[in-house]
Every structure is written in C-alpha cells, then in structure tokens.
C-alpha atoms as a PDB file:
ATOM      1  CA  MET A   1     -14.714  31.327  25.448  1.00  0.00           C
ATOM      2  CA  VAL A   2     -12.118  31.803  23.209  1.00  0.00           C
ATOM      3  CA  GLN A   3     -10.042  29.000  25.107  1.00  0.00           C
ATOM      4  CA  LEU A   4     -12.883  26.807  24.582  1.00  0.00           C
ATOM      5  CA  VAL A   5     -13.649  27.053  20.789  1.00  0.00           C
ATOM      6  CA  LYS A   6      -9.846  26.953  20.729  1.00  0.00           C
ATOM      7  CA  SER A   7      -9.755  23.424  22.609  1.00  0.00           C
ATOM      8  CA  ILE A   8     -11.934  22.166  19.775  1.00  0.00           C
ATOM      9  CA  PHE A   9      -9.308  22.633  17.430  1.00  0.00           C
ATOM     10  CA  VAL A  10      -6.058  22.583  18.974  1.00  0.00           C
ATOM     11  CA  ILE A  11      -4.638  20.050  21.558  1.00  0.00           C
ATOM     12  CA  ARG A  12      -3.030  22.789  23.321  1.00  0.00           C
ATOM     13  CA  SER A  13      -0.492  19.896  25.351  1.00  0.00           C
ATOM     14  CA  GLU A  14       0.793  18.731  21.929  1.00  0.00           C
ATOM     15  CA  GLY A  15       0.447  22.467  19.999  1.00  0.00           C
ATOM     16  CA  ARG A  16      -1.228  21.142  17.008  1.00  0.00           C
ATOM     17  CA  LEU A  17      -4.544  20.665  15.429  1.00  0.00           C
ATOM     18  CA  ARG A  18      -6.741  17.696  16.424  1.00  0.00           C
ATOM     19  CA  THR A  19      -6.818  14.676  14.155  1.00  0.00           C
ATOM     20  CA  PRO A  20     -10.369  15.371  12.037  1.00  0.00           C
ATOM     21  CA  TRP A  21      -8.529  18.748  11.315  1.00  0.00           C
ATOM     22  CA  ARG A  22      -5.412  17.620  10.601  1.00  0.00           C
ATOM     23  CA  LEU A  23      -7.052  14.529   8.735  1.00  0.00           C
ATOM     24  CA  ALA A  24      -9.207  17.515   6.430  1.00  0.00           C
ATOM     25  CA  LEU A  25      -6.556  19.756   5.942  1.00  0.00           C
ATOM     26  CA  PHE A  26      -4.346  16.442   4.713  1.00  0.00           C
ATOM     27  CA  ALA A  27      -7.040  15.852   1.967  1.00  0.00           C
ATOM     28  CA  LEU A  28      -6.831  18.970   0.435  1.00  0.00           C
ATOM     29  CA  LEU A  29      -3.377  19.058   0.425  1.00  0.00           C
ATOM     30  CA  LEU A  30      -3.643  15.943  -1.129  1.00  0.00           C
ATOM     31  CA  VAL A  31      -5.790  17.361  -3.853  1.00  0.00           C
ATOM     32  CA  PHE A  32      -3.643  20.228  -4.309  1.00  0.00           C
ATOM     33  CA  PHE A  33      -0.030  18.476  -5.072  1.00  0.00           C
ATOM     34  CA  ALA A  34      -2.451  15.888  -7.430  1.00  0.00           C
ATOM     35  CA  LEU A  35      -3.530  18.320  -9.436  1.00  0.00           C
ATOM     36  CA  LEU A  36      -0.154  20.239  -9.386  1.00  0.00           C
ATOM     37  CA  ALA A  37       1.610  17.248 -10.053  1.00  0.00           C
ATOM     38  CA  GLN A  38      -0.086  16.464 -13.413  1.00  0.00           C
ATOM     39  CA  LEU A  39       0.343  19.610 -15.016  1.00  0.00           C
ATOM     40  CA  PRO A  40       3.924  19.164 -15.719  1.00  0.00           C
ATOM     41  CA  LEU A  41       3.368  15.620 -16.286  1.00  0.00           C
ATOM     42  CA  ALA A  42       0.753  16.450 -19.078  1.00  0.00           C
ATOM     43  CA  TRP A  43       2.849  18.842 -21.031  1.00  0.00           C
ATOM     44  CA  LEU A  44       5.926  16.371 -20.896  1.00  0.00           C
ATOM     45  CA  SER A  45       3.820  13.656 -21.990  1.00  0.00           C
ATOM     46  CA  GLU A  46       1.500  15.143 -24.884  1.00  0.00           C
ATOM     47  CA  ILE A  47       3.928  15.224 -27.594  1.00  0.00           C
ATOM     48  CA  PRO A  48       5.865  11.666 -27.083  1.00  0.00           C
ATOM     49  CA  LEU A  49       2.472  10.464 -26.527  1.00  0.00           C
ATOM     50  CA  GLU A  50       1.067  11.298 -30.345  1.00  0.00           C
ATOM     51  CA  GLN A  51       3.996   9.739 -31.839  1.00  0.00           C
ATOM     52  CA  MET A  52       3.971   6.276 -29.824  1.00  0.00           C
ATOM     53  CA  SER A  53       2.107   3.249 -30.794  1.00  0.00           C
ATOM     54  CA  ASN A  54      -1.193   2.624 -28.987  1.00  0.00           C
ATOM     55  CA  ARG A  55       0.098   0.137 -26.374  1.00  0.00           C
ATOM     56  CA  ALA A  56       3.202   2.093 -25.979  1.00  0.00           C
ATOM     57  CA  ALA A  57       1.268   5.379 -25.478  1.00  0.00           C
ATOM     58  CA  VAL A  58      -0.666   3.452 -23.091  1.00  0.00           C
ATOM     59  CA  GLU A  59       1.985   2.192 -20.796  1.00  0.00           C
ATOM     60  CA  THR A  60       3.524   5.164 -20.751  1.00  0.00           C
ATOM     61  CA  SER A  61       0.675   7.150 -19.601  1.00  0.00           C
ATOM     62  CA  ARG A  62       0.081   4.346 -16.414  1.00  0.00           C
ATOM     63  CA  GLY A  63       3.888   5.231 -16.053  1.00  0.00           C
ATOM     64  CA  LEU A  64       3.436   8.688 -15.779  1.00  0.00           C
ATOM     65  CA  ASP A  65       0.225   8.604 -13.908  1.00  0.00           C
ATOM     66  CA  GLY A  66       2.407   6.695 -10.799  1.00  0.00           C
ATOM     67  CA  VAL A  67       4.974   9.004 -11.395  1.00  0.00           C
ATOM     68  CA  ALA A  68       2.467  11.781 -10.810  1.00  0.00           C
ATOM     69  CA  SER A  69       0.695   9.840  -7.580  1.00  0.00           C
ATOM     70  CA  THR A  70       4.062   9.357  -6.347  1.00  0.00           C
ATOM     71  CA  LEU A  71       5.358  13.053  -5.819  1.00  0.00           C
ATOM     72  CA  SER A  72       1.782  13.914  -5.046  1.00  0.00           C
ATOM     73  CA  ILE A  73       1.119  11.702  -1.740  1.00  0.00           C
ATOM     74  CA  THR A  74       4.937  12.119  -0.821  1.00  0.00           C
ATOM     75  CA  LEU A  75       4.700  15.988  -0.839  1.00  0.00           C
ATOM     76  CA  ALA A  76       1.564  16.077   0.877  1.00  0.00           C
ATOM     77  CA  VAL A  77       2.970  13.588   3.323  1.00  0.00           C
ATOM     78  CA  LEU A  78       6.051  15.414   3.880  1.00  0.00           C
ATOM     79  CA  VAL A  79       4.194  19.083   4.118  1.00  0.00           C
ATOM     80  CA  ALA A  80       1.135  17.569   6.260  1.00  0.00           C
ATOM     81  CA  GLY A  81       4.093  15.669   8.671  1.00  0.00           C
ATOM     82  CA  ARG A  82       5.679  19.079   9.095  1.00  0.00           C
ATOM     83  CA  LEU A  83       3.613  21.671   9.401  1.00  0.00           C
ATOM     84  CA  LEU A  84       0.258  19.531  10.791  1.00  0.00           C
ATOM     85  CA  ASP A  85       1.447  16.393  12.088  1.00  0.00           C
ATOM     86  CA  ARG A  86       4.823  18.396  13.678  1.00  0.00           C
ATOM     87  CA  ARG A  87       6.795  15.230  12.610  1.00  0.00           C
ATOM     88  CA  ARG A  88       9.398  13.771  10.622  1.00  0.00           C
ATOM     89  CA  PHE A  89       8.934  11.855   7.225  1.00  0.00           C
ATOM     90  CA  ILE A  90      10.469   9.239   8.244  1.00  0.00           C
ATOM     91  CA  ASP A  91       8.407   9.025  11.639  1.00  0.00           C
ATOM     92  CA  PHE A  92       5.712   7.513   9.314  1.00  0.00           C
ATOM     93  CA  GLY A  93       7.308   3.898   8.640  1.00  0.00           C
ATOM     94  CA  LEU A  94      10.160   4.734   6.364  1.00  0.00           C
ATOM     95  CA  GLY A  95      12.996   4.709   8.444  1.00  0.00           C
ATOM     96  CA  LEU A  96      15.274   2.640   5.471  1.00  0.00           C
ATOM     97  CA  GLY A  97      18.113   1.662   8.418  1.00  0.00           C
ATOM     98  CA  ARG A  98      19.175  -2.148   8.516  1.00  0.00           C
ATOM     99  CA  ASP A  99      16.440  -3.725   9.771  1.00  0.00           C
ATOM    100  CA  TRP A 100      14.009  -1.570   7.718  1.00  0.00           C
ATOM    101  CA  TRP A 101      16.019  -3.673   4.347  1.00  0.00           C
ATOM    102  CA  ILE A 102      15.624  -6.582   5.647  1.00  0.00           C
ATOM    103  CA  ASP A 103      12.083  -6.535   6.469  1.00  0.00           C
ATOM    104  CA  PHE A 104      11.743  -5.278   2.994  1.00  0.00           C
ATOM    105  CA  GLY A 105      13.156  -8.082   1.612  1.00  0.00           C
ATOM    106  CA  PHE A 106      11.096 -10.903   3.579  1.00  0.00           C
ATOM    107  CA  GLY A 107       8.080  -8.324   2.224  1.00  0.00           C
ATOM    108  CA  LEU A 108       9.388  -9.171  -1.082  1.00  0.00           C
ATOM    109  CA  ALA A 109       9.703 -12.739  -0.871  1.00  0.00           C
ATOM    110  CA  LEU A 110       6.489 -13.221   1.156  1.00  0.00           C
ATOM    111  CA  GLY A 111       4.735 -11.541  -1.736  1.00  0.00           C
ATOM    112  CA  ALA A 112       5.782 -13.676  -4.219  1.00  0.00           C
ATOM    113  CA  LEU A 113       5.820 -16.663  -2.479  1.00  0.00           C
ATOM    114  CA  LEU A 114       1.687 -16.156  -1.602  1.00  0.00           C
ATOM    115  CA  MET A 115       1.073 -15.807  -5.439  1.00  0.00           C
ATOM    116  CA  GLY A 116       2.981 -18.227  -6.417  1.00  0.00           C
ATOM    117  CA  GLY A 117       1.325 -20.413  -3.957  1.00  0.00           C
ATOM    118  CA  ILE A 118      -1.763 -19.256  -5.633  1.00  0.00           C
ATOM    119  CA  PHE A 119      -0.894 -20.214  -8.798  1.00  0.00           C
ATOM    120  CA  GLY A 120       0.714 -23.533  -8.227  1.00  0.00           C
ATOM    121  CA  ALA A 121      -2.597 -24.819  -6.501  1.00  0.00           C
ATOM    122  CA  GLU A 122      -4.664 -23.615  -9.400  1.00  0.00           C
ATOM    123  CA  LEU A 123      -2.792 -24.925 -11.530  1.00  0.00           C
ATOM    124  CA  ALA A 124      -2.671 -28.192  -9.724  1.00  0.00           C
ATOM    125  CA  LEU A 125      -6.398 -28.496  -9.368  1.00  0.00           C
ATOM    126  CA  GLY A 126      -6.541 -27.537 -12.820  1.00  0.00           C
ATOM    127  CA  TRP A 127      -7.850 -24.203 -12.845  1.00  0.00           C
ATOM    128  CA  VAL A 128      -5.561 -22.541 -15.411  1.00  0.00           C
ATOM    129  CA  THR A 129      -4.304 -23.674 -18.158  1.00  0.00           C
ATOM    130  CA  VAL A 130      -0.600 -22.205 -19.465  1.00  0.00           C
ATOM    131  CA  THR A 131      -1.447 -21.165 -22.764  1.00  0.00           C
ATOM    132  CA  ASP A 132       2.369 -19.096 -23.685  1.00  0.00           C
ATOM    133  CA  LEU A 133       5.500 -18.446 -21.679  1.00  0.00           C
ATOM    134  CA  TRP A 134       7.543 -14.913 -21.873  1.00  0.00           C
ATOM    135  CA  HIS A 135       4.031 -13.365 -23.336  1.00  0.00           C
ATOM    136  CA  SER A 136       4.119  -9.608 -25.067  1.00  0.00           C
ATOM    137  CA  ALA A 137       1.600  -8.004 -27.124  1.00  0.00           C
ATOM    138  CA  GLY A 138       1.511  -4.894 -28.247  1.00  0.00           C
ATOM    139  CA  GLY A 139       4.737  -4.848 -30.147  1.00  0.00           C
ATOM    140  CA  LEU A 140       6.404  -4.023 -27.661  1.00  0.00           C
ATOM    141  CA  PRO A 141       9.894  -6.549 -26.735  1.00  0.00           C
ATOM    142  CA  PHE A 142       9.232  -8.638 -23.422  1.00  0.00           C
ATOM    143  CA  ALA A 143      11.696  -6.756 -21.553  1.00  0.00           C
ATOM    144  CA  VAL A 144      10.550  -3.436 -22.238  1.00  0.00           C
ATOM    145  CA  ALA A 145       6.966  -4.642 -21.548  1.00  0.00           C
ATOM    146  CA  ILE A 146       7.627  -5.873 -18.221  1.00  0.00           C
ATOM    147  CA  LEU A 147       9.512  -3.094 -16.788  1.00  0.00           C
ATOM    148  CA  VAL A 148       6.978  -0.834 -16.691  1.00  0.00           C
ATOM    149  CA  PRO A 149       4.246  -2.441 -14.836  1.00  0.00           C
ATOM    150  CA  LEU A 150       7.383  -3.305 -12.221  1.00  0.00           C
ATOM    151  CA  LEU A 151       8.105  -0.001 -11.756  1.00  0.00           C
ATOM    152  CA  ALA A 152       4.431   1.138 -11.944  1.00  0.00           C
ATOM    153  CA  PHE A 153       3.812  -1.085  -8.946  1.00  0.00           C
ATOM    154  CA  ILE A 154       7.024  -0.096  -7.125  1.00  0.00           C
ATOM    155  CA  PHE A 155       5.318   3.447  -7.289  1.00  0.00           C
ATOM    156  CA  VAL A 156       1.814   1.958  -6.104  1.00  0.00           C
ATOM    157  CA  GLY A 157       2.990  -0.251  -3.037  1.00  0.00           C
ATOM    158  CA  TYR A 158       5.164   2.835  -1.765  1.00  0.00           C
ATOM    159  CA  TYR A 159       2.473   5.149  -2.325  1.00  0.00           C
ATOM    160  CA  GLU A 160      -0.430   3.142  -1.056  1.00  0.00           C
ATOM    161  CA  GLU A 161       1.284   2.210   1.911  1.00  0.00           C
ATOM    162  CA  LEU A 162       2.724   5.421   2.847  1.00  0.00           C
ATOM    163  CA  LEU A 163      -1.021   6.981   2.300  1.00  0.00           C
ATOM    164  CA  VAL A 164      -2.910   4.694   4.334  1.00  0.00           C
ATOM    165  CA  ARG A 165      -1.112   2.750   6.624  1.00  0.00           C
ATOM    166  CA  GLY A 166       1.695   6.005   7.419  1.00  0.00           C
ATOM    167  CA  TYR A 167      -0.149   8.302   7.321  1.00  0.00           C
ATOM    168  CA  LEU A 168      -3.708   7.539   7.588  1.00  0.00           C
ATOM    169  CA  LEU A 169      -3.007   4.862  10.490  1.00  0.00           C
ATOM    170  CA  ARG A 170      -0.602   6.463  12.436  1.00  0.00           C
ATOM    171  CA  ASN A 171      -3.235   9.836  12.557  1.00  0.00           C
ATOM    172  CA  LEU A 172      -6.410   7.405  13.755  1.00  0.00           C
ATOM    173  CA  ALA A 173      -3.960   5.419  16.306  1.00  0.00           C
ATOM    174  CA  GLU A 174      -3.311   8.586  17.993  1.00  0.00           C
ATOM    175  CA  GLY A 175      -7.129  10.224  17.221  1.00  0.00           C
ATOM    176  CA  LEU A 176      -8.439   6.913  18.819  1.00  0.00           C
ATOM    177  CA  GLY A 177      -5.774   6.981  21.955  1.00  0.00           C
ATOM    178  CA  PHE A 178      -8.440   8.022  24.537  1.00  0.00           C
ATOM    179  CA  ARG A 179      -7.719   7.395  28.257  1.00  0.00           C
ATOM    180  CA  ALA A 180     -10.737   4.975  28.457  1.00  0.00           C
ATOM    181  CA  ILE A 181      -9.150   2.964  25.240  1.00  0.00           C
ATOM    182  CA  GLY A 182      -5.344   2.750  25.179  1.00  0.00           C
ATOM    183  CA  SER A 183      -2.653   2.641  22.519  1.00  0.00           C
ATOM    184  CA  ARG A 184      -3.372  -1.052  21.903  1.00  0.00           C
ATOM    185  CA  TRP A 185      -6.938  -0.914  21.462  1.00  0.00           C
ATOM    186  CA  ALA A 186      -6.542   2.295  19.273  1.00  0.00           C
ATOM    187  CA  LEU A 187      -3.858   1.122  17.102  1.00  0.00           C
ATOM    188  CA  LEU A 188      -6.387  -1.991  16.474  1.00  0.00           C
ATOM    189  CA  LEU A 189      -9.080   0.306  15.655  1.00  0.00           C
ATOM    190  CA  ALA A 190      -6.792   2.169  13.450  1.00  0.00           C
ATOM    191  CA  TRP A 191      -5.791  -0.985  11.773  1.00  0.00           C
ATOM    192  CA  LEU A 192      -9.319  -2.068  10.914  1.00  0.00           C
ATOM    193  CA  LEU A 193     -10.653   1.636   9.830  1.00  0.00           C
ATOM    194  CA  THR A 194      -7.948   1.922   7.199  1.00  0.00           C
ATOM    195  CA  SER A 195      -8.014  -1.400   6.417  1.00  0.00           C
ATOM    196  CA  ALA A 196     -12.033  -0.977   5.539  1.00  0.00           C
ATOM    197  CA  LEU A 197     -11.083   2.248   3.738  1.00  0.00           C
ATOM    198  CA  PHE A 198      -8.548   0.046   1.772  1.00  0.00           C
ATOM    199  CA  GLY A 199     -11.320  -2.170   0.945  1.00  0.00           C
ATOM    200  CA  PHE A 200     -13.322   0.790  -0.082  1.00  0.00           C
ATOM    201  CA  LEU A 201     -10.794   2.344  -2.565  1.00  0.00           C
ATOM    202  CA  HIS A 202     -11.008  -0.927  -4.744  1.00  0.00           C
ATOM    203  CA  ALA A 203     -14.940  -1.109  -4.858  1.00  0.00           C
ATOM    204  CA  GLY A 204     -15.052   1.174  -7.802  1.00  0.00           C
ATOM    205  CA  ASN A 205     -12.348  -1.438  -9.596  1.00  0.00           C
ATOM    206  CA  PRO A 206     -13.460  -3.472 -13.004  1.00  0.00           C
ATOM    207  CA  ASN A 207     -15.648  -6.942 -11.788  1.00  0.00           C
ATOM    208  CA  ALA A 208     -15.638  -5.414  -8.211  1.00  0.00           C
ATOM    209  CA  SER A 209     -18.211  -6.538  -5.879  1.00  0.00           C
ATOM    210  CA  PHE A 210     -19.296  -6.651  -2.150  1.00  0.00           C
ATOM    211  CA  ILE A 211     -17.059 -10.041  -1.494  1.00  0.00           C
ATOM    212  CA  SER A 212     -14.157  -8.300  -3.923  1.00  0.00           C
ATOM    213  CA  SER A 213     -14.252  -5.018  -1.409  1.00  0.00           C
ATOM    214  CA  PHE A 214     -14.465  -7.185   1.432  1.00  0.00           C
ATOM    215  CA  ASN A 215     -12.155  -9.377   0.485  1.00  0.00           C
ATOM    216  CA  ILE A 216      -9.535  -6.479  -0.034  1.00  0.00           C
ATOM    217  CA  GLY A 217     -10.416  -5.211   3.600  1.00  0.00           C
ATOM    218  CA  LEU A 218      -9.121  -8.485   4.878  1.00  0.00           C
ATOM    219  CA  ALA A 219      -5.738  -8.181   2.616  1.00  0.00           C
ATOM    220  CA  GLY A 220      -5.747  -4.746   3.766  1.00  0.00           C
ATOM    221  CA  LEU A 221      -4.994  -6.147   7.436  1.00  0.00           C
ATOM    222  CA  LEU A 222      -2.381  -8.214   5.569  1.00  0.00           C
ATOM    223  CA  LEU A 223      -0.371  -5.211   4.900  1.00  0.00           C
ATOM    224  CA  GLY A 224      -0.926  -3.862   7.714  1.00  0.00           C
ATOM    225  CA  LEU A 225       0.402  -6.031  10.175  1.00  0.00           C
ATOM    226  CA  GLY A 226       3.784  -5.343   9.297  1.00  0.00           C
ATOM    227  CA  ILE A 227       3.551  -1.910  10.635  1.00  0.00           C
ATOM    228  CA  LEU A 228       1.808  -3.324  13.580  1.00  0.00           C
ATOM    229  CA  LEU A 229       4.055  -5.651  14.958  1.00  0.00           C
ATOM    230  CA  THR A 230       7.335  -3.140  13.880  1.00  0.00           C
ATOM    231  CA  GLY A 231       6.112   0.597  13.038  1.00  0.00           C
ATOM    232  CA  GLU A 232       7.643   0.472  10.074  1.00  0.00           C
ATOM    233  CA  LEU A 233       6.655   0.257   6.276  1.00  0.00           C
ATOM    234  CA  ALA A 234       9.096  -2.044   5.303  1.00  0.00           C
ATOM    235  CA  ILE A 235       6.771  -5.177   5.327  1.00  0.00           C
ATOM    236  CA  PRO A 236       3.945  -3.971   3.918  1.00  0.00           C
ATOM    237  CA  ILE A 237       5.673  -2.448   0.722  1.00  0.00           C
ATOM    238  CA  GLY A 238       7.448  -4.897  -0.132  1.00  0.00           C
ATOM    239  CA  LEU A 239       4.677  -7.202   0.401  1.00  0.00           C
ATOM    240  CA  HIS A 240       2.443  -4.799  -1.958  1.00  0.00           C
ATOM    241  CA  ILE A 241       4.749  -4.705  -4.869  1.00  0.00           C
ATOM    242  CA  THR A 242       5.448  -8.531  -5.465  1.00  0.00           C
ATOM    243  CA  TRP A 243       2.023  -9.283  -4.460  1.00  0.00           C
ATOM    244  CA  ASN A 244       0.515  -7.379  -7.354  1.00  0.00           C
ATOM    245  CA  PHE A 245       3.577  -7.877  -9.855  1.00  0.00           C
ATOM    246  CA  PHE A 246       3.854 -11.740  -9.409  1.00  0.00           C
ATOM    247  CA  GLN A 247      -0.088 -11.478  -9.802  1.00  0.00           C
ATOM    248  CA  GLY A 248      -0.898  -9.770 -12.637  1.00  0.00           C
ATOM    249  CA  ASN A 249       2.447  -9.760 -14.441  1.00  0.00           C
ATOM    250  CA  VAL A 250       4.292 -13.351 -13.499  1.00  0.00           C
ATOM    251  CA  PHE A 251       1.159 -15.007 -13.336  1.00  0.00           C
ATOM    252  CA  GLY A 252      -1.345 -13.839 -15.495  1.00  0.00           C
ATOM    253  CA  PHE A 253      -4.072 -13.232 -13.489  1.00  0.00           C
ATOM    254  CA  PRO A 254      -6.172  -9.876 -13.023  1.00  0.00           C
ATOM    255  CA  VAL A 255      -5.182  -7.620 -10.187  1.00  0.00           C
ATOM    256  CA  SER A 256      -8.270  -6.546  -8.738  1.00  0.00           C
ATOM    257  CA  GLY A 257     -10.210  -6.447 -11.516  1.00  0.00           C
ATOM    258  CA  LEU A 258      -7.566  -4.454 -13.781  1.00  0.00           C
ATOM    259  CA  ARG A 259      -5.687  -6.393 -16.690  1.00  0.00           C
ATOM    260  CA  VAL A 260      -2.597  -3.999 -16.040  1.00  0.00           C
ATOM    261  CA  SER A 261      -0.357  -4.849 -18.814  1.00  0.00           C
ATOM    262  CA  GLU A 262      -0.138  -7.530 -21.889  1.00  0.00           C
ATOM    263  CA  ALA A 263       3.376  -8.684 -20.844  1.00  0.00           C
ATOM    264  CA  THR A 264       3.369 -11.587 -18.383  1.00  0.00           C
ATOM    265  CA  VAL A 265       5.705 -14.199 -17.648  1.00  0.00           C
ATOM    266  CA  VAL A 266       2.788 -16.952 -17.950  1.00  0.00           C
ATOM    267  CA  ALA A 267      -0.426 -16.096 -20.263  1.00  0.00           C
ATOM    268  CA  ILE A 268      -3.298 -18.460 -18.357  1.00  0.00           C
ATOM    269  CA  ARG A 269      -6.795 -19.140 -19.215  1.00  0.00           C
ATOM    270  CA  GLN A 270      -8.830 -19.052 -15.962  1.00  0.00           C
ATOM    271  CA  SER A 271     -11.246 -21.642 -15.338  1.00  0.00           C
ATOM    272  CA  GLY A 272     -12.875 -23.115 -12.087  1.00  0.00           C
ATOM    273  CA  PRO A 273     -15.208 -22.126  -9.338  1.00  0.00           C
ATOM    274  CA  GLU A 274     -15.498 -18.273  -9.276  1.00  0.00           C
ATOM    275  CA  GLN A 275     -15.753 -18.715  -5.496  1.00  0.00           C
ATOM    276  CA  TRP A 276     -12.694 -20.163  -5.034  1.00  0.00           C
ATOM    277  CA  THR A 277     -10.909 -18.386  -7.789  1.00  0.00           C
ATOM    278  CA  GLY A 278     -12.307 -14.600  -7.808  1.00  0.00           C
ATOM    279  CA  GLY A 279     -13.063 -14.592 -11.569  1.00  0.00           C
ATOM    280  CA  ALA A 280     -12.732 -11.988 -13.623  1.00  0.00           C
ATOM    281  CA  PHE A 281     -11.399  -9.957 -10.419  1.00  0.00           C
ATOM    282  CA  GLY A 282      -8.836 -12.396  -9.830  1.00  0.00           C
ATOM    283  CA  PRO A 283      -7.685 -14.066  -6.845  1.00  0.00           C
ATOM    284  CA  GLU A 284      -8.058 -11.496  -4.266  1.00  0.00           C
ATOM    285  CA  ALA A 285     -11.723 -12.255  -4.251  1.00  0.00           C
ATOM    286  CA  GLY A 286     -11.718 -15.724  -3.983  1.00  0.00           C
ATOM    287  CA  LEU A 287     -11.919 -18.514  -1.477  1.00  0.00           C
ATOM    288  CA  ILE A 288      -8.012 -19.271  -2.688  1.00  0.00           C
ATOM    289  CA  GLY A 289      -6.659 -15.318  -1.553  1.00  0.00           C
ATOM    290  CA  LEU A 290      -8.770 -15.577   1.372  1.00  0.00           C
ATOM    291  CA  LEU A 291      -6.558 -19.087   2.267  1.00  0.00           C
ATOM    292  CA  ALA A 292      -3.385 -16.552   0.973  1.00  0.00           C
ATOM    293  CA  ILE A 293      -4.359 -13.697   3.295  1.00  0.00           C
ATOM    294  CA  ALA A 294      -4.557 -16.034   6.507  1.00  0.00           C
ATOM    295  CA  ILE A 295      -1.064 -18.342   5.678  1.00  0.00           C
ATOM    296  CA  GLY A 296       0.420 -14.801   5.015  1.00  0.00           C
ATOM    297  CA  CYS A 297      -0.622 -13.249   8.145  1.00  0.00           C
ATOM    298  CA  GLY A 298       1.172 -16.431  10.052  1.00  0.00           C
ATOM    299  CA  LEU A 299       4.209 -16.238   8.397  1.00  0.00           C
ATOM    300  CA  THR A 300       4.399 -12.647   9.074  1.00  0.00           C
ATOM    301  CA  LEU A 301       3.976 -13.090  12.662  1.00  0.00           C
ATOM    302  CA  LEU A 302       6.879 -15.895  12.498  1.00  0.00           C
ATOM    303  CA  TRP A 303       8.923 -13.592  11.024  1.00  0.00           C
ATOM    304  CA  VAL A 304       8.777 -10.818  13.516  1.00  0.00           C
ATOM    305  CA  ARG A 305       8.780 -12.898  16.062  1.00  0.00           C
ATOM    306  CA  TRP A 306      11.823 -15.004  15.070  1.00  0.00           C
ATOM    307  CA  ARG A 307      13.782 -11.460  13.982  1.00  0.00           C
ATOM    308  CA  THR A 308      13.071  -9.768  17.102  1.00  0.00           C
ATOM    309  CA  GLY A 309      12.686 -12.164  19.535  1.00  0.00           C
ATOM    310  CA  ARG A 310       9.179 -10.485  20.670  1.00  0.00           C
ATOM    311  CA  LEU A 311       6.008 -10.171  19.330  1.00  0.00           C
ATOM    312  CA  GLY A 312       3.725  -7.236  19.920  1.00  0.00           C
ATOM    313  CA  LEU A 313       1.745  -4.596  19.087  1.00  0.00           C
ATOM    314  CA  HIS A 314       4.055  -1.321  18.210  1.00  0.00           C
ATOM    315  CA  THR A 315       2.185   0.722  20.823  1.00  0.00           C
ATOM    316  CA  PRO A 316       4.959   3.866  20.022  1.00  0.00           C
ATOM    317  CA  PHE A 317       2.914   4.397  16.423  1.00  0.00           C
ATOM    318  CA  ALA A 318      -0.162   5.390  18.396  1.00  0.00           C
ATOM    319  CA  HIS A 319       1.854   8.054  20.538  1.00  0.00           C
ATOM    320  CA  TYR A 320       3.092  11.472  19.620  1.00  0.00           C
ATOM    321  CA  ARG A 321       6.453  12.583  20.670  1.00  0.00           C
ATOM    322  CA  PRO A 322       6.654  16.683  19.788  1.00  0.00           C
ATOM    323  CA  LEU A 323       9.186  17.460  17.080  1.00  0.00           C
ATOM    324  CA  GLN A 324      12.356  19.228  18.999  1.00  0.00           C
ATOM    325  CA  GLU A 325      12.473  15.800  21.396  1.00  0.00           C
ATOM    326  CA  GLN A 326      12.394  13.752  17.685  1.00  0.00           C
ATOM    327  CA  ILE A 327      15.548  15.867  16.745  1.00  0.00           C
ATOM    328  CA  GLY A 328      17.130  15.732  19.718  1.00  0.00           C
ATOM    329  CA  THR A 329      17.361  12.453  19.834  1.00  0.00           C
ATOM    330  CA  ASP A 330      18.576  11.647  16.640  1.00  0.00           C
ATOM    331  CA  GLU A 331      21.319  14.235  17.301  1.00  0.00           C
ATOM    332  CA  LYS A 332      22.849  11.753  20.519  1.00  0.00           C
ATOM    333  CA  GLY A 333      22.272   9.112  17.697  1.00  0.00           C
ATOM    334  CA  GLU A 334      19.457   7.032  19.664  1.00  0.00           C
ATOM    335  CA  THR A 335      17.226   5.493  17.854  1.00  0.00           C
END
C-alpha cells in the first residue's frame, strides 16, 4: 500500500516527483521568489522615484519590474531544476556554446526582419503614416528613453522564454511521454499546450480579444519552433526580443495591446482595416501578423536545415537523464 501511494507521487526509476507535482511546487517557488524579489527593489526605488519626473519614474518602475521578474523566474527555475527536476540549469535550453550564439543572432535578425516587413507592407498600402522620426516624449533624451525599453524587452525575451518554452515545455514533454504516445508526439503536444498558455497569458492585456489571444498562441508556436528543432532557447529568445522591440520602439506599433514607451524611432498614425492591422492591439491581432508568423516559421525551418544539415524534432528534450549522468558527460568533455 505504501509503495502504491508513493508511486502516485514519485517516478521510482528516476527518483523524482511526477510532472504534475513538480509543476505545482514550481508554481509555489515562482510565487515565493516573485514576492522576495519585490522587497529590495521596492525599497531601493521608493526615494529615487519620488525625485524623478513622472515619465522617468514610469520608465524606471518598468525597468525594476523587469529585473524582479528576471530574478524570480531565474531563481525558481534554478532551484526547481536542481531539487525537483534533478537537472542542470543549462538543460532548459541555455547551452550558451558557439552554436547557441549563432542561433541567437539569427533569432534577433528574424524578429527585426519580420516586423520590418509588417511595417513596410502597411506603409506601402497606406495603412500607416509616419508623423515623426526619433520621437521622444516626456522630456527624456532619446538615447535614454529608447535604452530603457530595449533593456526591458531583453529581460522579457529571456524570462518568458525560460519559463514557457524552457521549463514548462520540457516538463510537459516529459510528462506526456507515455509509451503509447512516444517522445515525438509528447514534444508536439507540449509545444501546442505551452503556446495555448502563452496566448492565455496575454488575454488580460489592453484591447485584447479572442482573436488576439488566439493569434498570440500562434506566435507562441513560432517562438517554440526553435527549441522544438534545436533543444535550445537561442532562437526563441532572440526572436522574442527584437519582435517586441522593433514592433513598439522602432516602428511605433502597440505591443500586444500595450504602449510600452514614448520613445520610437518612427512615430506613426495607424489606419487601415483592423482585421489586417490588428488595430489598437497591434499587428499580432491582425492577418498581417499571421502572415509574418507563417513566414517566420518557414525561415526558421530553412535556417535550421541549412545550419545543421538536418531537420527534425529534437526528441532528447522530451527525455530525462539522471543528474549524475549529466555531470559525468560534462567531466568527459562531451556535449
């Protein structure tokens, strides 16, 4: 009887908790570290924010929120990874080797290219009108005003991908890997589920709708494609950073319904049919955004095929290796 009860909670062959329990405890760790990270940042920001202009205070507050989220999610994954998952932090897609950085550069270029294509298409169709260049409101110098959202989007690209595609996708893929399903289908199901979650997490944004949440879920498929093919977060993080930054602070579109900053390289006035442009939510809620997502998926497939000489699911991402075996591999200098 004791063994039966224990088997409900523990995978005996792996010596660790089953996926639902790991995810539940990870959620508690995430809340704990989120509260912990807010305490010193709130104390540090209290006096300086009172002495700043309203715009500077808003931008500083956003920057501190990004730091807090980065710290809390990193610590939660680090602790849960070692104590619950029994694996190293780098195994959540952060190998950081030479190939990792090459793929990261591709992700950065891809996000900029796709958003530049959206802007160019809307400009050619007369759906946007350029009203200003190097625009900065609120009294801050442009270089300062543009730097804050750039850093914020670097934080967001890192911690959202680490959370959704790194930790959650990997755990779901392992948990769904029943013998009847197999690792390939488990990986695909985890990809779909985490993309749906990604859309749901944006459902509370300003100007959100069912269509915008559905489209954000499809954008999640694009972001997850890189880790599905390579087992690394390099492409997703790079793509996430420049997709957001070029959308909001280079071309002046709303970012998932949010006006993230008053500093934009190009200030625009939006017009055109909302079903195509996405209206107040931004391109992600429009058909033009869906076209960019489809093109992005195609370019990602071509890139991975060209760089690696193969194209297929990275099924080891859905498998668990004991921590001792992982460490032993490192000591032998293997990859």
